[in-house]
Amino acid sequence: MEFRLIDRLQALTAQARDDVRLGIGDDAALLAVPAGQELAVAIDTLVEGVHFPRGTAAADIGWKALAVNLSDLAAMGATPAWALLALTLPVQPAEAQQALVDGLADGFAQLARSHGVALVGGDTTRGPFVLSVAVHGFVPPGQALRRDGARVGDLVFVTGTLGDAAAGLQRLAPSPDPDEEKRRVALRARLNRPEPRVAAGLALRGRASACIDVSDGLLADLGHVCMASGVGAELVAPMLPLSSALLGCCDEAAARDYALSGGDDYELCFTVPPARAGEVQADLARLGCGATRIGRIVAGDGVRVRDADGQWLTPVRSGWDHFPDETARP
């Protein structure tokens, strides 16, 4: 089964890349970083029951395992090139195992092909269902987007809409109401098949002062930018971009909480000097993902949120934390 999976993935993700000197089939790949480029590398692990619900379609898992990593490259302004996959598979009957392997390969390969990513190595073993993907991309020297460049007076933007994936996770069960089910399907699609904003990341090179992808929740991730940059941020809740599917499934307060703290959006949150805001919005609109101004960078630290009346809000939580402080519980 190990070689069947790797062979299938290799066939499905075969890319005509001159920079792959030796791919799958040896003890290590041989890769050539193009002249005048820096190598950006990221890795993420997905665990069943933690990063995707049990029962998630195998093709969706394969897609998401690559998507969350490409999102990291997008946040750095890097062009994707290569990927490695380490997969731990649960013990299953042969027929179920084959269906799982085929589905994972199909979803992974579909996204890999659309971004020109070549799978150059992998490993499989037995155990709890876990996928680890490492990706590599290229960025010109000195042009990588980073977290530490935000400055007081910069405007804060996000691509796309926020909160859909977190709301979709809470609405996995089908609804008997056709209109409600249509909204739930849209939310679950954002959860299972996030679209990494690679083109947007490339467009932000040389324009955004700081950037991060929204994986753990807007408040948490923008908080990382603020900490790295030594600044604070003020957001305006009514400016948060919310989808019609999200607003149709819950009230405005719940939608706002999903957007601020839900996570799993894999949109880009970035800061831009005011003089460049118009051109950036226009270019991202042409790319199809758009960009919405949601606040500004201020002196101080941390992220604060105002409501429509200018009053400070107290969010339900700041975002996802794999290792919460158990001693802090009441």
C-alpha atoms as a PDB file:
ATOM      1  CA  MET A   1       0.000   0.000   0.000  1.00  0.00           C
ATOM      2  CA  GLU A   2       2.875   2.395   0.746  1.00  0.00           C
ATOM      3  CA  PHE A   3       4.322   2.218  -2.744  1.00  0.00           C
ATOM      4  CA  ARG A   4       0.858   2.213  -4.304  1.00  0.00           C
ATOM      5  CA  LEU A   5       0.097   5.549  -2.647  1.00  0.00           C
ATOM      6  CA  ILE A   6       3.412   7.166  -3.524  1.00  0.00           C
ATOM      7  CA  ASP A   7       3.254   5.883  -7.105  1.00  0.00           C
ATOM      8  CA  ARG A   8      -0.298   7.164  -7.524  1.00  0.00           C
ATOM      9  CA  LEU A   9       0.569  10.564  -6.085  1.00  0.00           C
ATOM     10  CA  GLN A  10       3.661  10.770  -8.241  1.00  0.00           C
ATOM     11  CA  ALA A  11       1.645  10.020 -11.360  1.00  0.00           C
ATOM     12  CA  LEU A  12      -1.108  12.483 -10.484  1.00  0.00           C
ATOM     13  CA  THR A  13       1.229  15.322  -9.485  1.00  0.00           C
ATOM     14  CA  ALA A  14       3.841  14.871 -12.194  1.00  0.00           C
ATOM     15  CA  GLN A  15       5.039  18.338 -13.163  1.00  0.00           C
ATOM     16  CA  ALA A  16       7.510  19.240 -15.903  1.00  0.00           C
ATOM     17  CA  ARG A  17       9.822  21.137 -13.573  1.00  0.00           C
ATOM     18  CA  ASP A  18      13.443  21.604 -14.601  1.00  0.00           C
ATOM     19  CA  ASP A  19      14.365  22.300 -10.976  1.00  0.00           C
ATOM     20  CA  VAL A  20      13.583  18.689  -9.957  1.00  0.00           C
ATOM     21  CA  ARG A  21      16.837  16.914 -10.748  1.00  0.00           C
ATOM     22  CA  LEU A  22      15.783  13.665  -9.063  1.00  0.00           C
ATOM     23  CA  GLY A  23      12.314  13.088  -7.651  1.00  0.00           C
ATOM     24  CA  ILE A  24      10.570  10.137  -6.023  1.00  0.00           C
ATOM     25  CA  GLY A  25      12.335   6.796  -6.265  1.00  0.00           C
ATOM     26  CA  ASP A  26      15.612   7.339  -4.427  1.00  0.00           C
ATOM     27  CA  ASP A  27      16.534   7.928  -0.790  1.00  0.00           C
ATOM     28  CA  ALA A  28      16.262  11.686  -1.220  1.00  0.00           C
ATOM     29  CA  ALA A  29      15.185  14.153  -3.875  1.00  0.00           C
ATOM     30  CA  LEU A  30      17.697  16.379  -5.644  1.00  0.00           C
ATOM     31  CA  LEU A  31      16.350  19.875  -6.207  1.00  0.00           C
ATOM     32  CA  ALA A  32      17.834  23.023  -7.715  1.00  0.00           C
ATOM     33  CA  VAL A  33      16.889  26.411  -6.292  1.00  0.00           C
ATOM     34  CA  PRO A  34      16.786  28.871  -9.212  1.00  0.00           C
ATOM     35  CA  ALA A  35      19.483  31.528  -9.286  1.00  0.00           C
ATOM     36  CA  GLY A  36      18.522  34.759  -7.587  1.00  0.00           C
ATOM     37  CA  GLN A  37      15.816  33.169  -5.434  1.00  0.00           C
ATOM     38  CA  GLU A  38      15.500  32.394  -1.733  1.00  0.00           C
ATOM     39  CA  LEU A  39      13.868  29.167  -0.568  1.00  0.00           C
ATOM     40  CA  ALA A  40      10.728  29.457   1.581  1.00  0.00           C
ATOM     41  CA  VAL A  41       9.858  26.280   3.501  1.00  0.00           C
ATOM     42  CA  ALA A  42       6.757  25.479   5.587  1.00  0.00           C
ATOM     43  CA  ILE A  43       5.303  22.378   7.217  1.00  0.00           C
ATOM     44  CA  ASP A  44       1.930  21.577   8.794  1.00  0.00           C
ATOM     45  CA  THR A  45       0.407  18.475  10.349  1.00  0.00           C
ATOM     46  CA  LEU A  46      -3.266  17.514  10.173  1.00  0.00           C
ATOM     47  CA  VAL A  47      -4.664  15.079  12.739  1.00  0.00           C
ATOM     48  CA  GLU A  48      -8.016  13.350  12.383  1.00  0.00           C
ATOM     49  CA  GLY A  49     -10.477  14.654  14.960  1.00  0.00           C
ATOM     50  CA  VAL A  50      -8.391  17.796  15.528  1.00  0.00           C
ATOM     51  CA  HIS A  51      -7.864  19.438  12.136  1.00  0.00           C
ATOM     52  CA  PHE A  52     -10.620  17.657  10.230  1.00  0.00           C
ATOM     53  CA  PRO A  53     -13.715  15.832  11.536  1.00  0.00           C
ATOM     54  CA  ARG A  54     -13.915  12.078  11.371  1.00  0.00           C
ATOM     55  CA  GLY A  55     -15.900  11.143   8.300  1.00  0.00           C
ATOM     56  CA  THR A  56     -14.475  13.935   6.134  1.00  0.00           C
ATOM     57  CA  ALA A  57     -14.186  12.839   2.499  1.00  0.00           C
ATOM     58  CA  ALA A  58     -10.689  11.569   1.704  1.00  0.00           C
ATOM     59  CA  ALA A  59     -10.339  13.869  -1.315  1.00  0.00           C
ATOM     60  CA  ASP A  60     -11.135  16.878   0.877  1.00  0.00           C
ATOM     61  CA  ILE A  61      -8.482  15.800   3.384  1.00  0.00           C
ATOM     62  CA  GLY A  62      -5.880  15.444   0.646  1.00  0.00           C
ATOM     63  CA  TRP A  63      -6.757  18.886  -0.702  1.00  0.00           C
ATOM     64  CA  LYS A  64      -6.689  20.561   2.717  1.00  0.00           C
ATOM     65  CA  ALA A  65      -3.380  18.959   3.741  1.00  0.00           C
ATOM     66  CA  LEU A  66      -1.696  20.756   0.850  1.00  0.00           C
ATOM     67  CA  ALA A  67      -3.850  23.901   0.977  1.00  0.00           C
ATOM     68  CA  VAL A  68      -2.913  24.884   4.525  1.00  0.00           C
ATOM     69  CA  ASN A  69       0.760  24.724   3.577  1.00  0.00           C
ATOM     70  CA  LEU A  70       0.348  26.665   0.348  1.00  0.00           C
ATOM     71  CA  SER A  71      -1.428  29.282   2.450  1.00  0.00           C
ATOM     72  CA  ASP A  72       1.772  29.679   4.485  1.00  0.00           C
ATOM     73  CA  LEU A  73       3.747  30.236   1.295  1.00  0.00           C
ATOM     74  CA  ALA A  74       1.120  32.742   0.152  1.00  0.00           C
ATOM     75  CA  ALA A  75       1.553  34.667   3.402  1.00  0.00           C
ATOM     76  CA  MET A  76       5.280  34.922   2.633  1.00  0.00           C
ATOM     77  CA  GLY A  77       4.746  36.015  -0.962  1.00  0.00           C
ATOM     78  CA  ALA A  78       6.416  32.832  -2.244  1.00  0.00           C
ATOM     79  CA  THR A  79       5.758  30.911  -5.454  1.00  0.00           C
ATOM     80  CA  PRO A  80       5.075  27.205  -4.675  1.00  0.00           C
ATOM     81  CA  ALA A  81       7.352  24.568  -6.209  1.00  0.00           C
ATOM     82  CA  TRP A  82       7.766  21.278  -4.327  1.00  0.00           C
ATOM     83  CA  ALA A  83       6.029  19.222  -1.640  1.00  0.00           C
ATOM     84  CA  LEU A  84       6.801  16.282   0.657  1.00  0.00           C
ATOM     85  CA  LEU A  85       4.102  14.111   2.237  1.00  0.00           C
ATOM     86  CA  ALA A  86       4.351  11.945   5.357  1.00  0.00           C
ATOM     87  CA  LEU A  87       1.203   9.920   5.986  1.00  0.00           C
ATOM     88  CA  THR A  88       0.196   7.750   8.923  1.00  0.00           C
ATOM     89  CA  LEU A  89      -2.704   5.490   7.958  1.00  0.00           C
ATOM     90  CA  PRO A  90      -5.074   3.669  10.317  1.00  0.00           C
ATOM     91  CA  VAL A  91      -5.509  -0.084  10.075  1.00  0.00           C
ATOM     92  CA  GLN A  92      -8.534  -0.766   7.865  1.00  0.00           C
ATOM     93  CA  PRO A  93      -9.929  -3.497   5.637  1.00  0.00           C
ATOM     94  CA  ALA A  94      -8.152  -3.546   2.271  1.00  0.00           C
ATOM     95  CA  GLU A  95     -11.110  -2.124   0.335  1.00  0.00           C
ATOM     96  CA  ALA A  96     -11.547   0.822   2.719  1.00  0.00           C
ATOM     97  CA  GLN A  97      -7.795   1.440   2.717  1.00  0.00           C
ATOM     98  CA  GLN A  98      -7.710   1.567  -1.067  1.00  0.00           C
ATOM     99  CA  ALA A  99     -10.625   4.018  -1.192  1.00  0.00           C
ATOM    100  CA  LEU A 100      -8.894   6.236   1.383  1.00  0.00           C
ATOM    101  CA  VAL A 101      -5.608   6.213  -0.502  1.00  0.00           C
ATOM    102  CA  ASP A 102      -7.272   6.941  -3.845  1.00  0.00           C
ATOM    103  CA  GLY A 103      -9.297   9.798  -2.382  1.00  0.00           C
ATOM    104  CA  LEU A 104      -6.314  11.393  -0.649  1.00  0.00           C
ATOM    105  CA  ALA A 105      -4.266  11.197  -3.821  1.00  0.00           C
ATOM    106  CA  ASP A 106      -7.024  12.713  -5.956  1.00  0.00           C
ATOM    107  CA  GLY A 107      -7.624  15.705  -3.674  1.00  0.00           C
ATOM    108  CA  PHE A 108      -3.924  16.383  -3.081  1.00  0.00           C
ATOM    109  CA  ALA A 109      -3.084  16.120  -6.765  1.00  0.00           C
ATOM    110  CA  GLN A 110      -5.943  18.351  -7.902  1.00  0.00           C
ATOM    111  CA  LEU A 111      -4.637  21.291  -5.870  1.00  0.00           C
ATOM    112  CA  ALA A 112      -0.985  20.488  -6.631  1.00  0.00           C
ATOM    113  CA  ARG A 113      -1.608  20.628 -10.376  1.00  0.00           C
ATOM    114  CA  SER A 114      -3.400  23.970 -10.159  1.00  0.00           C
ATOM    115  CA  HIS A 115      -0.359  25.540  -8.464  1.00  0.00           C
ATOM    116  CA  GLY A 116       2.405  23.749 -10.386  1.00  0.00           C
ATOM    117  CA  VAL A 117       3.557  21.822  -7.302  1.00  0.00           C
ATOM    118  CA  ALA A 118       5.598  18.656  -7.757  1.00  0.00           C
ATOM    119  CA  LEU A 119       5.545  15.948  -5.074  1.00  0.00           C
ATOM    120  CA  VAL A 120       9.223  15.035  -4.641  1.00  0.00           C
ATOM    121  CA  GLY A 121       9.143  12.615  -1.711  1.00  0.00           C
ATOM    122  CA  GLY A 122       7.004  10.871   0.859  1.00  0.00           C
ATOM    123  CA  ASP A 123       6.684   8.279   3.564  1.00  0.00           C
ATOM    124  CA  THR A 124       3.844   6.189   4.997  1.00  0.00           C
ATOM    125  CA  THR A 125       3.390   4.253   8.217  1.00  0.00           C
ATOM    126  CA  ARG A 126       0.645   2.747  10.407  1.00  0.00           C
ATOM    127  CA  GLY A 127      -1.040   4.468  13.306  1.00  0.00           C
ATOM    128  CA  PRO A 128      -3.603   7.193  14.027  1.00  0.00           C
ATOM    129  CA  PHE A 129      -4.678   9.025  10.878  1.00  0.00           C
ATOM    130  CA  VAL A 130      -2.181  11.908  10.474  1.00  0.00           C
ATOM    131  CA  LEU A 131      -0.833  13.803   7.468  1.00  0.00           C
ATOM    132  CA  SER A 132       2.248  16.026   7.480  1.00  0.00           C
ATOM    133  CA  VAL A 133       3.069  18.070   4.386  1.00  0.00           C
ATOM    134  CA  ALA A 134       6.145  20.198   3.803  1.00  0.00           C
ATOM    135  CA  VAL A 135       6.180  22.704   0.960  1.00  0.00           C
ATOM    136  CA  HIS A 136       8.952  24.696  -0.679  1.00  0.00           C
ATOM    137  CA  GLY A 137       8.662  27.873  -2.692  1.00  0.00           C
ATOM    138  CA  PHE A 138      10.746  30.662  -4.154  1.00  0.00           C
ATOM    139  CA  VAL A 139      10.898  34.362  -3.381  1.00  0.00           C
ATOM    140  CA  PRO A 140      13.337  37.016  -4.627  1.00  0.00           C
ATOM    141  CA  PRO A 141      15.853  38.113  -1.977  1.00  0.00           C
ATOM    142  CA  GLY A 142      14.486  40.773   0.320  1.00  0.00           C
ATOM    143  CA  GLN A 143      10.926  40.531  -1.047  1.00  0.00           C
ATOM    144  CA  ALA A 144       9.394  37.977   1.343  1.00  0.00           C
ATOM    145  CA  LEU A 145       6.332  39.170   3.240  1.00  0.00           C
ATOM    146  CA  ARG A 146       6.938  39.034   6.980  1.00  0.00           C
ATOM    147  CA  ARG A 147       5.122  39.633  10.239  1.00  0.00           C
ATOM    148  CA  ASP A 148       7.454  42.272  11.623  1.00  0.00           C
ATOM    149  CA  GLY A 149       6.932  45.174   9.217  1.00  0.00           C
ATOM    150  CA  ALA A 150       3.637  46.722  10.358  1.00  0.00           C
ATOM    151  CA  ARG A 151       3.948  50.410  11.290  1.00  0.00           C
ATOM    152  CA  VAL A 152       1.700  52.849  13.139  1.00  0.00           C
ATOM    153  CA  GLY A 153      -0.721  54.368  10.627  1.00  0.00           C
ATOM    154  CA  ASP A 154      -0.830  51.325   8.333  1.00  0.00           C
ATOM    155  CA  LEU A 155      -4.265  50.030   7.365  1.00  0.00           C
ATOM    156  CA  VAL A 156      -5.298  46.428   8.124  1.00  0.00           C
ATOM    157  CA  PHE A 157      -6.889  44.336   5.363  1.00  0.00           C
ATOM    158  CA  VAL A 158      -8.117  40.777   4.879  1.00  0.00           C
ATOM    159  CA  THR A 159      -8.838  38.868   1.686  1.00  0.00           C
ATOM    160  CA  GLY A 160     -12.114  37.040   1.086  1.00  0.00           C
ATOM    161  CA  THR A 161     -14.565  36.503   3.927  1.00  0.00           C
ATOM    162  CA  LEU A 162     -14.043  35.347   7.503  1.00  0.00           C
ATOM    163  CA  GLY A 163     -15.799  32.893   9.797  1.00  0.00           C
ATOM    164  CA  ASP A 164     -17.241  30.511   7.219  1.00  0.00           C
ATOM    165  CA  ALA A 165     -15.062  27.502   8.018  1.00  0.00           C
ATOM    166  CA  ALA A 166     -15.640  27.703  11.770  1.00  0.00           C
ATOM    167  CA  ALA A 167     -19.387  28.008  11.234  1.00  0.00           C
ATOM    168  CA  GLY A 168     -19.290  25.088   8.804  1.00  0.00           C
ATOM    169  CA  LEU A 169     -17.624  22.930  11.440  1.00  0.00           C
ATOM    170  CA  GLN A 170     -20.600  23.580  13.718  1.00  0.00           C
ATOM    171  CA  ARG A 171     -23.051  22.690  10.954  1.00  0.00           C
ATOM    172  CA  LEU A 172     -21.846  19.342   9.653  1.00  0.00           C
ATOM    173  CA  ALA A 173     -25.240  17.677   9.900  1.00  0.00           C
ATOM    174  CA  PRO A 174     -27.540  18.132   6.873  1.00  0.00           C
ATOM    175  CA  SER A 175     -30.551  20.385   7.341  1.00  0.00           C
ATOM    176  CA  PRO A 176     -34.052  19.364   6.207  1.00  0.00           C
ATOM    177  CA  ASP A 177     -34.623  22.956   5.057  1.00  0.00           C
ATOM    178  CA  PRO A 178     -33.324  23.328   1.455  1.00  0.00           C
ATOM    179  CA  ASP A 179     -32.275  26.961   1.858  1.00  0.00           C
ATOM    180  CA  GLU A 180     -30.499  26.271   5.119  1.00  0.00           C
ATOM    181  CA  GLU A 181     -28.770  23.234   3.658  1.00  0.00           C
ATOM    182  CA  LYS A 182     -27.542  25.314   0.706  1.00  0.00           C
ATOM    183  CA  ARG A 183     -25.924  27.727   3.150  1.00  0.00           C
ATOM    184  CA  ARG A 184     -24.419  24.880   5.169  1.00  0.00           C
ATOM    185  CA  VAL A 185     -22.952  23.317   2.043  1.00  0.00           C
ATOM    186  CA  ALA A 186     -21.250  26.615   1.224  1.00  0.00           C
ATOM    187  CA  LEU A 187     -19.826  26.880   4.745  1.00  0.00           C
ATOM    188  CA  ARG A 188     -18.626  23.276   4.781  1.00  0.00           C
ATOM    189  CA  ALA A 189     -16.913  23.821   1.433  1.00  0.00           C
ATOM    190  CA  ARG A 190     -14.881  26.638   3.009  1.00  0.00           C
ATOM    191  CA  LEU A 191     -13.940  24.274   5.847  1.00  0.00           C
ATOM    192  CA  ASN A 192     -12.995  21.298   3.682  1.00  0.00           C
ATOM    193  CA  ARG A 193     -11.475  22.982   0.640  1.00  0.00           C
ATOM    194  CA  PRO A 194      -9.845  26.274   1.571  1.00  0.00           C
ATOM    195  CA  GLU A 195      -8.378  28.166  -1.369  1.00  0.00           C
ATOM    196  CA  PRO A 196      -4.810  29.298  -0.659  1.00  0.00           C
ATOM    197  CA  ARG A 197      -4.362  32.941  -1.708  1.00  0.00           C
ATOM    198  CA  VAL A 198      -1.102  32.399  -3.573  1.00  0.00           C
ATOM    199  CA  ALA A 199      -1.785  34.964  -6.306  1.00  0.00           C
ATOM    200  CA  ALA A 200      -2.728  37.559  -3.701  1.00  0.00           C
ATOM    201  CA  GLY A 201       0.493  36.919  -1.783  1.00  0.00           C
ATOM    202  CA  LEU A 202       2.531  37.474  -4.932  1.00  0.00           C
ATOM    203  CA  ALA A 203       0.637  40.700  -5.655  1.00  0.00           C
ATOM    204  CA  LEU A 204       1.415  41.986  -2.148  1.00  0.00           C
ATOM    205  CA  ARG A 205       5.187  41.709  -2.536  1.00  0.00           C
ATOM    206  CA  GLY A 206       6.723  45.141  -2.268  1.00  0.00           C
ATOM    207  CA  ARG A 207       3.407  46.631  -1.125  1.00  0.00           C
ATOM    208  CA  ALA A 208       2.269  45.044   2.128  1.00  0.00           C
ATOM    209  CA  SER A 209       4.301  46.004   5.181  1.00  0.00           C
ATOM    210  CA  ALA A 210       3.342  42.776   7.006  1.00  0.00           C
ATOM    211  CA  CYS A 211       1.295  39.668   6.261  1.00  0.00           C
ATOM    212  CA  ILE A 212       0.033  36.463   7.880  1.00  0.00           C
ATOM    213  CA  ASP A 213      -2.512  33.815   6.955  1.00  0.00           C
ATOM    214  CA  VAL A 214      -5.598  33.447   9.128  1.00  0.00           C
ATOM    215  CA  SER A 215      -5.434  29.891  10.432  1.00  0.00           C
ATOM    216  CA  ASP A 216      -5.963  30.182  14.194  1.00  0.00           C
ATOM    217  CA  GLY A 217      -8.407  33.098  14.083  1.00  0.00           C
ATOM    218  CA  LEU A 218      -8.125  36.752  13.071  1.00  0.00           C
ATOM    219  CA  LEU A 219      -7.504  38.064  16.585  1.00  0.00           C
ATOM    220  CA  ALA A 220      -4.806  35.501  17.311  1.00  0.00           C
ATOM    221  CA  ASP A 221      -3.042  35.810  13.967  1.00  0.00           C
ATOM    222  CA  LEU A 222      -3.155  39.608  13.755  1.00  0.00           C
ATOM    223  CA  GLY A 223      -1.902  39.506  17.338  1.00  0.00           C
ATOM    224  CA  HIS A 224       1.195  37.685  16.077  1.00  0.00           C
ATOM    225  CA  VAL A 225       1.795  40.505  13.587  1.00  0.00           C
ATOM    226  CA  CYS A 226       1.393  43.101  16.321  1.00  0.00           C
ATOM    227  CA  MET A 227       3.801  41.291  18.624  1.00  0.00           C
ATOM    228  CA  ALA A 228       6.429  40.842  15.916  1.00  0.00           C
ATOM    229  CA  SER A 229       6.102  44.480  14.809  1.00  0.00           C
ATOM    230  CA  GLY A 230       5.883  46.042  18.276  1.00  0.00           C
ATOM    231  CA  VAL A 231       2.538  47.733  17.570  1.00  0.00           C
ATOM    232  CA  GLY A 232      -1.163  47.424  18.336  1.00  0.00           C
ATOM    233  CA  ALA A 233      -4.218  47.141  16.091  1.00  0.00           C
ATOM    234  CA  GLU A 234      -7.748  48.525  16.269  1.00  0.00           C
ATOM    235  CA  LEU A 235     -10.477  46.774  14.275  1.00  0.00           C
ATOM    236  CA  VAL A 236     -14.047  47.879  13.513  1.00  0.00           C
ATOM    237  CA  ALA A 237     -16.496  44.986  13.814  1.00  0.00           C
ATOM    238  CA  PRO A 238     -19.022  46.168  11.176  1.00  0.00           C
ATOM    239  CA  MET A 239     -16.199  46.281   8.613  1.00  0.00           C
ATOM    240  CA  LEU A 240     -15.465  42.547   8.893  1.00  0.00           C
ATOM    241  CA  PRO A 241     -16.231  40.792   5.569  1.00  0.00           C
ATOM    242  CA  LEU A 242     -18.987  38.239   6.211  1.00  0.00           C
ATOM    243  CA  SER A 243     -20.521  35.947   3.604  1.00  0.00           C
ATOM    244  CA  SER A 244     -24.242  35.735   2.929  1.00  0.00           C
ATOM    245  CA  ALA A 245     -24.080  32.036   3.846  1.00  0.00           C
ATOM    246  CA  LEU A 246     -22.699  32.883   7.280  1.00  0.00           C
ATOM    247  CA  LEU A 247     -25.166  35.695   7.930  1.00  0.00           C
ATOM    248  CA  GLY A 248     -28.002  33.438   6.810  1.00  0.00           C
ATOM    249  CA  CYS A 249     -27.056  30.754   9.336  1.00  0.00           C
ATOM    250  CA  CYS A 250     -26.630  32.815  12.495  1.00  0.00           C
ATOM    251  CA  ASP A 251     -27.200  36.249  13.968  1.00  0.00           C
ATOM    252  CA  GLU A 252     -24.762  39.106  13.485  1.00  0.00           C
ATOM    253  CA  ALA A 253     -23.094  38.731  16.884  1.00  0.00           C
ATOM    254  CA  ALA A 254     -22.395  35.026  16.330  1.00  0.00           C
ATOM    255  CA  ALA A 255     -21.139  35.712  12.798  1.00  0.00           C
ATOM    256  CA  ARG A 256     -18.787  38.356  14.172  1.00  0.00           C
ATOM    257  CA  ASP A 257     -17.406  35.927  16.762  1.00  0.00           C
ATOM    258  CA  TYR A 258     -16.796  33.301  14.086  1.00  0.00           C
ATOM    259  CA  ALA A 259     -14.954  35.907  11.997  1.00  0.00           C
ATOM    260  CA  LEU A 260     -12.805  37.151  14.871  1.00  0.00           C
ATOM    261  CA  SER A 261     -11.947  33.880  16.564  1.00  0.00           C
ATOM    262  CA  GLY A 262     -13.091  30.900  14.515  1.00  0.00           C
ATOM    263  CA  GLY A 263      -9.982  30.227  12.444  1.00  0.00           C
ATOM    264  CA  ASP A 264      -9.440  27.823   9.541  1.00  0.00           C
ATOM    265  CA  ASP A 265     -10.169  30.616   7.052  1.00  0.00           C
ATOM    266  CA  TYR A 266      -6.741  30.604   5.338  1.00  0.00           C
ATOM    267  CA  GLU A 267      -7.311  34.125   4.106  1.00  0.00           C
ATOM    268  CA  LEU A 268      -4.483  36.666   4.205  1.00  0.00           C
ATOM    269  CA  CYS A 269      -4.427  39.418   6.812  1.00  0.00           C
ATOM    270  CA  PHE A 270      -2.006  42.174   5.868  1.00  0.00           C
ATOM    271  CA  THR A 271      -1.059  45.769   6.550  1.00  0.00           C
ATOM    272  CA  VAL A 272      -0.495  48.455   3.958  1.00  0.00           C
ATOM    273  CA  PRO A 273       0.589  52.111   4.136  1.00  0.00           C
ATOM    274  CA  PRO A 274      -2.455  54.318   3.341  1.00  0.00           C
ATOM    275  CA  ALA A 275      -0.873  55.641   0.140  1.00  0.00           C
ATOM    276  CA  ARG A 276      -0.845  52.142  -1.367  1.00  0.00           C
ATOM    277  CA  ALA A 277      -4.249  50.969  -0.150  1.00  0.00           C
ATOM    278  CA  GLY A 278      -6.214  51.878  -3.274  1.00  0.00           C
ATOM    279  CA  GLU A 279      -3.924  50.140  -5.749  1.00  0.00           C
ATOM    280  CA  VAL A 280      -3.726  47.031  -3.577  1.00  0.00           C
ATOM    281  CA  GLN A 281      -7.516  46.777  -3.291  1.00  0.00           C
ATOM    282  CA  ALA A 282      -7.910  47.240  -7.038  1.00  0.00           C
ATOM    283  CA  ASP A 283      -5.345  44.558  -7.882  1.00  0.00           C
ATOM    284  CA  LEU A 284      -6.781  42.002  -5.447  1.00  0.00           C
ATOM    285  CA  ALA A 285     -10.258  42.707  -6.771  1.00  0.00           C
ATOM    286  CA  ARG A 286      -8.993  41.820 -10.240  1.00  0.00           C
ATOM    287  CA  LEU A 287      -7.608  38.563  -8.844  1.00  0.00           C
ATOM    288  CA  GLY A 288     -11.079  37.639  -7.606  1.00  0.00           C
ATOM    289  CA  CYS A 289     -10.437  37.400  -3.880  1.00  0.00           C
ATOM    290  CA  GLY A 290     -10.805  41.085  -3.045  1.00  0.00           C
ATOM    291  CA  ALA A 291      -9.513  42.814   0.062  1.00  0.00           C
ATOM    292  CA  THR A 292     -11.477  44.549   2.802  1.00  0.00           C
ATOM    293  CA  ARG A 293     -10.106  47.227   5.117  1.00  0.00           C
ATOM    294  CA  ILE A 294     -10.996  46.253   8.677  1.00  0.00           C
ATOM    295  CA  GLY A 295      -8.904  48.547  10.863  1.00  0.00           C
ATOM    296  CA  ARG A 296      -5.580  50.235  11.427  1.00  0.00           C
ATOM    297  CA  ILE A 297      -2.267  49.832  13.192  1.00  0.00           C
ATOM    298  CA  VAL A 298      -1.797  51.992  16.294  1.00  0.00           C
ATOM    299  CA  ALA A 299       0.803  52.564  18.967  1.00  0.00           C
ATOM    300  CA  GLY A 300       0.638  50.070  21.837  1.00  0.00           C
ATOM    301  CA  ASP A 301       0.161  46.316  21.741  1.00  0.00           C
ATOM    302  CA  GLY A 302      -2.493  43.687  21.149  1.00  0.00           C
ATOM    303  CA  VAL A 303      -5.683  43.804  19.088  1.00  0.00           C
ATOM    304  CA  ARG A 304      -8.831  45.628  20.135  1.00  0.00           C
ATOM    305  CA  VAL A 305     -12.232  45.668  18.412  1.00  0.00           C
ATOM    306  CA  ARG A 306     -14.854  48.446  18.347  1.00  0.00           C
ATOM    307  CA  ASP A 307     -18.546  48.003  17.598  1.00  0.00           C
ATOM    308  CA  ALA A 308     -20.628  50.295  15.378  1.00  0.00           C
ATOM    309  CA  ASP A 309     -21.070  52.750  18.266  1.00  0.00           C
ATOM    310  CA  GLY A 310     -17.349  52.930  18.980  1.00  0.00           C
ATOM    311  CA  GLN A 311     -17.554  50.806  22.128  1.00  0.00           C
ATOM    312  CA  TRP A 312     -14.862  48.234  22.822  1.00  0.00           C
ATOM    313  CA  LEU A 313     -15.978  44.622  22.448  1.00  0.00           C
ATOM    314  CA  THR A 314     -14.900  41.634  24.513  1.00  0.00           C
ATOM    315  CA  PRO A 315     -14.601  38.660  22.139  1.00  0.00           C
ATOM    316  CA  VAL A 316     -15.644  35.221  23.363  1.00  0.00           C
ATOM    317  CA  ARG A 317     -12.112  33.941  22.708  1.00  0.00           C
ATOM    318  CA  SER A 318      -9.028  35.077  20.850  1.00  0.00           C
ATOM    319  CA  GLY A 319      -8.595  32.031  18.619  1.00  0.00           C
ATOM    320  CA  TRP A 320      -7.499  28.410  18.442  1.00  0.00           C
ATOM    321  CA  ASP A 321      -4.843  27.143  20.852  1.00  0.00           C
ATOM    322  CA  HIS A 322      -3.514  23.573  20.690  1.00  0.00           C
ATOM    323  CA  PHE A 323      -1.958  23.907  24.145  1.00  0.00           C
ATOM    324  CA  PRO A 324      -4.270  26.006  26.320  1.00  0.00           C
ATOM    325  CA  ASP A 325      -3.202  26.841  29.849  1.00  0.00           C
ATOM    326  CA  GLU A 326      -5.211  24.299  31.811  1.00  0.00           C
ATOM    327  CA  THR A 327      -4.372  26.070  35.068  1.00  0.00           C
ATOM    328  CA  ALA A 328      -6.208  29.163  33.830  1.00  0.00           C
ATOM    329  CA  ARG A 329      -9.575  27.418  33.763  1.00  0.00           C
ATOM    330  CA  PRO A 330     -12.007  28.480  36.505  1.00  0.00           C
END
